[in-house]
Amino acid sequence: MDTIELQRIARIEDGNWWYRERRAILSAELLRISVPGTAVDIGAASGTGSRVLAEHGWDATAIDLSPNAVALARAHGVEAYEGDARYLPLPPCEYDLALALDVLEHVEEDERAAAEITRVLRPGGIALVSVPCDMALWSAHDVALGRVRRYSRRTLAELVEGAGLVLERMWSRGVLVRPFLRLLRHRTARREDLAPLHPLANEALRLTAALERRLPLASWPGTRLFARARRPG
């Protein structure tokens, strides 16, 4: 993607219900950690995750394959480097937190990317991962986004633990909107998450996602999984 396209995506993400929800989830996890430190945002794309980290006082470093994404992150004052999730251009044992939000599903060698997360974390460091879940939801939408898989709870746990991390928590998101999104995404190959939604639809989905955060649905089938894990030490 060129810089203009990344800026367009960043503007959409600012108002899109899902990206707002993901920022809210990240903010809640950062508040649980409470003491900020050094963090790496792997697959930073337009850099919204890195900016949330900075807002919470974290010293953030962004990594992305796209040189334009790196340039955009730097333009927002974020330290950024071009790099592959499987071969991070970072020293070992350097970071207190590693983010891989909607990244691993794009990587054929996801076990290699997971091992890199472990490598760059300090002992006791935390990894926060999100992935799309359930291959029953696989559609042309996933292909359009360049995904190579969706995960189950078992396969995500195996990936995290196989990389040498201790899984502390796993939870679902998108439980209440799952029927609607399943229908929509089986009808279109359009990247609707990167296209402007009708304001009423966007607001309805935002309110539904906010409601879900207040309900005990973390173990129910959703559209995405989040995992929090820690490097032993």
Protein backbone atom coordinates (compact mmCIF):
# COMPACT_ATOMS: atom_id res chain seq x y z
CA MET A 1 0.00 0.00 0.00
CA ASP A 2 1.16 3.52 -0.71
CA THR A 3 1.16 6.25 1.93
CA ILE A 4 -2.07 7.83 0.64
CA GLU A 5 -3.91 4.51 0.92
CA LEU A 6 -2.55 3.94 4.42
CA GLN A 7 -3.71 7.41 5.45
CA ARG A 8 -7.16 6.63 4.04
CA ILE A 9 -7.27 3.38 6.02
CA ALA A 10 -6.16 5.22 9.18
CA ARG A 11 -9.04 7.68 8.77
CA ILE A 12 -11.52 4.82 8.33
CA GLU A 13 -10.08 2.97 11.32
CA ASP A 14 -10.57 6.04 13.51
CA GLY A 15 -14.35 5.71 13.15
CA ASN A 16 -14.89 2.06 12.22
CA TRP A 17 -16.68 0.09 14.95
CA TRP A 18 -14.28 -2.87 14.95
CA TYR A 19 -11.07 -0.86 15.10
CA ARG A 20 -12.58 1.29 17.86
CA GLU A 21 -13.43 -1.90 19.74
CA ARG A 22 -9.93 -3.28 19.25
CA ARG A 23 -8.46 -0.04 20.62
CA ALA A 24 -10.78 -0.33 23.63
CA ILE A 25 -9.65 -3.91 24.26
CA LEU A 26 -5.99 -2.90 23.99
CA SER A 27 -6.53 0.04 26.34
CA ALA A 28 -8.19 -2.23 28.91
CA GLU A 29 -5.28 -4.68 28.79
CA LEU A 30 -2.75 -1.88 29.16
CA LEU A 31 -4.59 -0.63 32.24
CA ARG A 32 -4.34 -4.14 33.72
CA ILE A 33 -0.58 -4.08 33.22
CA SER A 34 -0.62 -0.62 34.84
CA VAL A 35 3.14 0.09 34.69
CA PRO A 36 4.19 1.04 31.14
CA GLY A 37 7.50 -0.03 29.65
CA THR A 38 8.87 -0.91 26.21
CA ALA A 39 6.56 -2.41 23.60
CA VAL A 40 6.78 -3.65 20.03
CA ASP A 41 3.78 -3.46 17.68
CA ILE A 42 4.29 -6.23 15.11
CA GLY A 43 2.44 -5.72 11.83
CA ALA A 44 1.65 -2.14 12.83
CA ALA A 45 0.04 -1.19 9.47
CA SER A 46 -1.39 2.34 9.86
CA GLY A 47 0.00 2.52 13.39
CA THR A 48 -3.15 2.84 15.50
CA GLY A 49 -1.95 0.21 17.97
CA SER A 50 1.35 2.02 18.42
CA ARG A 51 -0.47 5.28 19.06
CA VAL A 52 -2.64 3.64 21.74
CA LEU A 53 0.54 2.36 23.38
CA ALA A 54 2.03 5.85 23.34
CA GLU A 55 -1.16 7.34 24.81
CA HIS A 56 -0.77 4.96 27.77
CA GLY A 57 2.85 5.95 28.31
CA TRP A 58 4.55 3.03 26.58
CA ASP A 59 7.77 3.42 24.61
CA ALA A 60 6.51 1.87 21.37
CA THR A 61 8.38 0.47 18.38
CA ALA A 62 6.44 -0.40 15.22
CA ILE A 63 7.40 -3.16 12.77
CA ASP A 64 5.79 -3.64 9.37
CA LEU A 65 6.67 -5.16 6.00
CA SER A 66 5.53 -2.03 4.19
CA PRO A 67 8.04 0.85 3.95
CA ASN A 68 5.06 3.19 3.55
CA ALA A 69 3.57 1.95 6.83
CA VAL A 70 6.93 2.53 8.50
CA ALA A 71 7.08 6.07 7.07
CA LEU A 72 3.54 6.78 8.29
CA ALA A 73 4.35 5.53 11.80
CA ARG A 74 7.45 7.71 11.90
CA ALA A 75 5.39 10.68 10.76
CA HIS A 76 3.27 10.16 13.88
CA GLY A 77 6.39 10.18 16.04
CA VAL A 78 6.62 6.39 16.50
CA GLU A 79 9.96 4.61 16.20
CA ALA A 80 9.44 2.18 13.31
CA TYR A 81 11.37 -0.34 11.23
CA GLU A 82 10.67 -2.37 8.13
CA GLY A 83 10.65 -6.06 8.95
CA ASP A 84 9.09 -9.51 8.60
CA ALA A 85 7.18 -10.96 11.58
CA ARG A 86 9.21 -14.16 11.14
CA TYR A 87 12.56 -12.32 11.33
CA LEU A 88 12.13 -9.27 13.52
CA PRO A 89 14.98 -6.74 13.18
CA LEU A 90 15.18 -6.44 16.95
CA PRO A 91 17.52 -7.64 19.69
CA PRO A 92 16.45 -10.46 22.03
CA CYS A 93 14.97 -9.92 25.50
CA GLU A 94 14.31 -6.23 24.82
CA TYR A 95 10.57 -5.65 25.30
CA ASP A 96 8.07 -5.78 28.14
CA LEU A 97 5.12 -6.17 25.77
CA ALA A 98 4.66 -7.52 22.23
CA LEU A 99 1.50 -6.89 20.20
CA ALA A 100 0.52 -9.07 17.26
CA LEU A 101 -3.02 -7.89 16.51
CA ASP A 102 -4.52 -9.54 13.42
CA VAL A 103 -1.09 -10.57 12.15
CA LEU A 104 -0.45 -14.30 12.60
CA GLU A 105 -3.30 -15.36 10.30
CA HIS A 106 -1.39 -13.76 7.39
CA VAL A 107 1.85 -15.68 8.02
CA GLU A 108 2.36 -19.13 6.49
CA GLU A 109 5.06 -19.93 9.07
CA ASP A 110 3.09 -18.68 12.04
CA GLU A 111 5.12 -20.82 14.43
CA ARG A 112 8.22 -18.90 13.35
CA ALA A 113 6.46 -15.57 14.00
CA ALA A 114 5.32 -16.79 17.42
CA ALA A 115 8.88 -17.84 18.26
CA GLU A 116 10.07 -14.33 17.36
CA ILE A 117 7.56 -12.83 19.78
CA THR A 118 9.08 -14.96 22.54
CA ARG A 119 12.62 -14.07 21.50
CA VAL A 120 12.17 -10.30 21.73
CA LEU A 121 10.29 -10.39 25.05
CA ARG A 122 12.11 -10.02 28.32
CA PRO A 123 11.59 -12.79 30.89
CA GLY A 124 8.22 -12.00 32.40
CA GLY A 125 7.21 -9.98 29.31
CA ILE A 126 3.67 -10.16 27.99
CA ALA A 127 2.39 -11.02 24.51
CA LEU A 128 -1.04 -9.84 23.40
CA VAL A 129 -2.33 -11.58 20.28
CA SER A 130 -5.56 -11.40 18.29
CA VAL A 131 -6.63 -13.65 15.40
CA PRO A 132 -9.80 -14.41 13.45
CA CYS A 133 -11.37 -17.63 14.71
CA ASP A 134 -13.24 -20.67 13.40
CA MET A 135 -12.64 -22.04 9.91
CA ALA A 136 -16.42 -22.45 9.64
CA LEU A 137 -16.43 -18.69 9.07
CA TRP A 138 -13.89 -18.90 6.24
CA SER A 139 -15.07 -16.96 3.18
CA ALA A 140 -13.94 -14.86 0.25
CA HIS A 141 -13.55 -12.06 2.79
CA ASP A 142 -10.59 -13.90 4.35
CA VAL A 143 -9.02 -14.40 0.93
CA ALA A 144 -9.47 -10.71 0.11
CA LEU A 145 -7.64 -9.84 3.34
CA GLY A 146 -4.74 -12.15 2.50
CA ARG A 147 -5.34 -14.56 5.37
CA VAL A 148 -4.11 -18.14 5.21
CA ARG A 149 -6.10 -19.51 8.16
CA ARG A 150 -8.52 -18.88 10.97
CA TYR A 151 -7.80 -20.33 14.42
CA SER A 152 -9.60 -22.42 16.99
CA ARG A 153 -8.94 -22.09 20.71
CA ARG A 154 -6.91 -25.26 20.53
CA THR A 155 -4.73 -24.24 17.58
CA LEU A 156 -4.07 -20.79 19.03
CA ALA A 157 -3.16 -22.27 22.42
CA GLU A 158 -0.83 -24.77 20.72
CA LEU A 159 0.85 -21.99 18.76
CA VAL A 160 1.38 -19.77 21.81
CA GLU A 161 2.56 -22.56 24.09
CA GLY A 162 4.69 -24.12 21.37
CA ALA A 163 6.60 -20.84 21.17
CA GLY A 164 7.52 -21.17 24.84
CA LEU A 165 4.96 -18.75 26.26
CA VAL A 166 2.65 -19.43 29.18
CA LEU A 167 -0.97 -18.80 28.17
CA GLU A 168 -2.68 -16.72 30.87
CA ARG A 169 -6.01 -15.91 29.26
CA MET A 170 -7.96 -16.45 26.05
CA TRP A 171 -11.27 -14.85 25.19
CA SER A 172 -13.70 -14.35 22.30
CA ARG A 173 -14.93 -11.15 20.73
CA GLY A 174 -17.61 -10.66 18.08
CA VAL A 175 -20.04 -13.06 19.73
CA LEU A 176 -23.16 -10.93 19.29
CA VAL A 177 -22.30 -9.83 15.73
CA ARG A 178 -21.19 -13.28 14.55
CA PRO A 179 -24.49 -14.22 12.76
CA PHE A 180 -24.62 -10.90 10.91
CA LEU A 181 -20.95 -10.93 9.87
CA ARG A 182 -21.12 -14.57 8.80
CA LEU A 183 -24.02 -13.78 6.48
CA LEU A 184 -22.39 -10.61 5.13
CA ARG A 185 -18.98 -12.14 4.48
CA HIS A 186 -20.34 -15.18 2.71
CA ARG A 187 -22.12 -12.86 0.30
CA THR A 188 -19.23 -10.61 -0.66
CA ALA A 189 -15.48 -10.66 -1.26
CA ARG A 190 -15.30 -6.94 -0.50
CA ARG A 191 -12.95 -5.78 2.25
CA GLU A 192 -15.82 -4.22 4.16
CA ASP A 193 -13.67 -3.60 7.21
CA LEU A 194 -11.67 -1.11 5.11
CA ALA A 195 -14.68 0.51 3.43
CA PRO A 196 -16.86 3.17 5.04
CA LEU A 197 -19.98 1.69 6.66
CA HIS A 198 -23.32 3.43 6.68
CA PRO A 199 -23.23 5.57 9.85
CA LEU A 200 -26.31 3.85 11.32
CA ALA A 201 -24.86 0.38 10.73
CA ASN A 202 -21.51 1.45 12.13
CA GLU A 203 -23.14 2.89 15.27
CA ALA A 204 -25.31 -0.21 15.77
CA LEU A 205 -22.27 -2.46 15.55
CA ARG A 206 -20.31 -0.19 17.91
CA LEU A 207 -23.06 -0.30 20.52
CA THR A 208 -23.37 -4.07 20.14
CA ALA A 209 -19.63 -4.51 20.68
CA ALA A 210 -19.70 -2.21 23.71
CA LEU A 211 -22.60 -4.22 25.15
CA GLU A 212 -20.69 -7.45 24.62
CA ARG A 213 -17.84 -6.17 26.80
CA ARG A 214 -20.30 -6.03 29.70
CA LEU A 215 -21.69 -9.54 29.24
CA PRO A 216 -20.13 -12.89 30.28
CA LEU A 217 -19.58 -14.07 26.70
CA ALA A 218 -15.79 -14.50 26.61
CA SER A 219 -16.05 -18.28 26.25
CA TRP A 220 -18.78 -18.24 23.57
CA PRO A 221 -18.04 -18.66 19.83
CA GLY A 222 -17.25 -15.31 18.25
CA THR A 223 -15.42 -13.99 15.20
CA ARG A 224 -12.06 -13.28 16.86
CA LEU A 225 -9.90 -14.65 19.64
CA PHE A 226 -7.61 -12.68 21.91
CA ALA A 227 -4.83 -14.28 23.93
CA ARG A 228 -2.57 -12.95 26.65
CA ALA A 229 0.59 -14.91 27.37
CA ARG A 230 3.80 -14.41 29.31
CA ARG A 231 7.40 -15.37 28.69
CA PRO A 232 8.58 -17.45 31.69
CA GLY A 233 11.15 -15.97 33.96
